[in-house]
Protein backbone atom coordinates (compact mmCIF):
# COMPACT_ATOMS: atom_id res chain seq x y z
CA MET A 1 92.34 74.07 83.17
CA ARG A 2 94.40 73.49 85.99
CA ALA A 3 95.83 76.54 87.58
CA GLU A 4 99.51 75.41 86.86
CA THR A 5 99.18 75.06 83.25
CA LYS A 6 97.45 78.31 82.83
CA HIS A 7 99.91 79.89 84.62
CA ALA A 8 102.77 78.56 82.86
CA LEU A 9 100.49 79.98 79.15
CA VAL A 10 99.50 83.36 81.28
CA ARG A 11 102.98 84.23 82.46
CA PRO A 12 105.16 84.57 79.31
CA LEU A 13 102.48 85.73 77.56
CA GLN A 14 101.94 88.21 80.31
CA ARG A 15 105.96 89.03 80.42
CA TYR A 16 107.08 89.14 77.31
CA LEU A 17 103.87 90.58 75.00
CA ILE A 18 101.73 92.44 77.02
CA ASN A 19 103.56 94.13 79.80
CA PRO A 20 106.40 95.63 77.52
CA PRO A 21 104.67 97.72 75.47
CA VAL A 22 102.09 98.88 78.45
CA ARG A 23 104.87 99.89 80.59
CA LEU A 24 106.20 102.18 77.73
CA LEU A 25 103.23 103.42 77.07
CA LEU A 26 102.53 104.12 81.02
CA ARG A 27 105.92 106.38 81.15
CA PHE A 28 103.71 108.55 78.52
CA GLY A 29 100.99 108.56 80.11
CA ALA A 30 98.81 106.89 77.64
CA ALA A 31 97.76 103.99 79.24
CA PRO A 32 93.95 104.88 81.26
CA GLY A 33 92.97 102.67 83.81
CA TYR A 34 96.60 100.90 84.47
CA THR A 35 99.78 102.11 86.30
CA LEU A 36 102.81 100.62 87.07
CA LEU A 37 104.38 99.08 90.10
CA GLU A 38 107.64 99.89 91.37
CA THR A 39 109.06 97.33 93.91
CA ARG A 40 112.99 96.26 94.92
CA GLY A 41 114.01 92.62 93.72
CA ARG A 42 114.48 90.28 96.41
CA VAL A 43 117.27 88.51 94.81
CA THR A 44 118.97 91.23 93.07
CA GLY A 45 118.25 94.16 95.11
CA GLN A 46 116.96 95.87 91.67
CA ILE A 47 114.15 97.95 91.21
CA ARG A 48 111.53 96.58 89.44
CA THR A 49 108.40 98.03 87.33
CA THR A 50 104.96 95.92 86.82
CA PRO A 51 102.04 97.55 85.30
CA VAL A 52 99.19 96.96 87.40
CA GLY A 53 95.10 98.19 87.25
CA GLU A 54 94.61 101.62 88.68
CA GLY A 55 93.19 100.78 92.21
CA ARG A 56 93.79 104.25 93.81
CA ASP A 57 91.19 105.09 96.60
CA GLY A 58 92.50 108.24 98.42
CA ALA A 59 95.24 107.36 100.02
CA VAL A 60 94.87 103.59 100.21
CA PHE A 61 96.11 102.20 96.55
CA TRP A 62 94.30 98.39 95.68
CA ILE A 63 96.16 95.60 93.33
CA VAL A 64 94.52 92.27 92.94
CA ALA A 65 96.95 89.74 91.70
CA GLU A 66 96.30 87.71 89.23
CA HIS A 67 98.69 84.86 90.58
CA GLY A 68 98.73 85.39 93.91
CA THR A 69 101.79 84.31 95.68
CA HIS A 70 103.29 83.19 92.52
CA ALA A 71 103.72 86.88 90.97
CA GLY A 72 107.16 88.16 90.94
CA TYR A 73 106.26 91.04 92.61
CA VAL A 74 104.62 89.62 95.44
CA ARG A 75 107.09 87.88 96.29
CA ASN A 76 108.75 91.58 96.09
CA ILE A 77 106.53 92.66 98.51
CA ARG A 78 106.78 89.79 100.82
CA ASN A 79 109.98 90.56 101.18
CA CYS A 80 110.09 94.24 101.20
CA PRO A 81 107.02 95.77 101.66
CA ASP A 82 108.52 99.55 100.35
CA VAL A 83 106.79 99.91 96.98
CA ARG A 84 106.15 103.03 94.73
CA VAL A 85 103.14 103.60 92.47
CA LEU A 86 102.78 106.25 89.96
CA LEU A 87 99.71 108.35 89.87
CA ARG A 88 98.23 110.37 87.91
CA THR A 89 97.71 114.14 89.25
CA GLY A 90 95.97 116.58 86.72
CA ARG A 91 98.26 116.26 83.32
CA ARG A 92 101.84 114.95 85.14
CA SER A 93 102.40 111.40 86.33
CA VAL A 94 104.17 111.29 89.86
CA TRP A 95 105.87 108.18 91.76
CA VAL A 96 104.52 107.88 95.19
CA PRO A 97 106.25 106.24 98.03
CA GLY A 98 103.92 103.51 100.38
CA THR A 99 103.94 100.35 102.09
CA ALA A 100 102.43 97.07 101.32
CA GLN A 101 101.00 94.37 102.53
CA LEU A 102 99.43 91.43 101.04
CA LEU A 103 96.09 90.10 102.43
CA PRO A 104 95.14 87.04 102.05
CA ASP A 105 91.89 86.76 104.22
CA ASP A 106 90.32 89.58 102.05
CA ASP A 107 87.90 88.22 99.42
CA PRO A 108 89.46 89.56 96.16
CA TYR A 109 86.42 89.27 93.97
CA ALA A 110 84.52 91.21 97.04
CA ARG A 111 87.51 93.90 96.38
CA GLN A 112 87.28 93.93 92.64
CA ARG A 113 83.57 95.00 92.28
CA THR A 114 84.06 97.70 95.11
CA LEU A 115 86.76 98.92 93.17
CA ALA A 116 85.43 98.92 89.53
CA ARG A 117 82.04 100.31 91.08
CA GLY A 118 81.57 103.27 88.74
CA HIS A 119 84.87 102.79 86.50
CA PRO A 120 84.60 101.19 83.49
CA LEU A 121 88.47 100.84 83.10
CA ARG A 122 88.31 99.22 86.54
CA ALA A 123 85.93 96.81 85.36
CA LEU A 124 87.33 95.84 82.25
CA ASN A 125 90.72 95.41 84.58
CA ALA A 126 88.86 93.33 86.94
CA ALA A 127 87.60 90.81 84.05
CA VAL A 128 90.72 90.33 82.42
CA VAL A 129 92.36 89.73 86.05
CA ARG A 130 89.67 86.66 86.85
CA ALA A 131 90.03 85.61 83.43
CA MET A 132 93.84 85.31 83.44
CA GLY A 133 94.43 84.48 86.88
CA THR A 134 94.82 81.74 88.93
CA GLU A 135 95.36 82.61 92.40
CA LEU A 136 93.83 86.01 93.30
CA LEU A 137 95.09 87.89 95.99
CA THR A 138 94.85 91.18 97.60
CA VAL A 139 97.69 93.54 97.95
CA ARG A 140 97.22 97.01 99.78
CA ILE A 141 99.26 99.81 99.82
CA ASP A 142 98.75 102.21 102.30
CA LEU A 143 100.26 105.65 100.41
CA HIS A 144 102.81 108.36 101.97
CA PRO A 145 101.80 111.76 101.92
CA PRO A 146 104.71 113.96 99.37
CA ASN A 147 107.30 115.62 102.34
């Protein structure tokens, strides 16, 4: 299947069927293996939240974007790299600010293997991203320590 066709089929499925309930579950802390990424809309300036796979590794948060530069949140990051990530700390979830950068030269498949090692939910997310993705792109978010 061509990438354009696949993207045209997958995008509305994710946008209207999958992401809304996952976003709601995440707000209640009930979707392990996933978290929310908050970006600022490049056109409206409004806050946008997108469910992403949980990819925290110390003070760095990794995302492999399924649709690369065609993903809305990736285009938002390109316009404004200041983001927030909803992270679990014990029983609570807290918004942690960070600075995102797109890494087109990074191998997203190798990144997924590294992140999934020893984490079954991350491995499942990586498989879904590969199955539904059209142009994988690595995003690195350097998390800022709390003040």
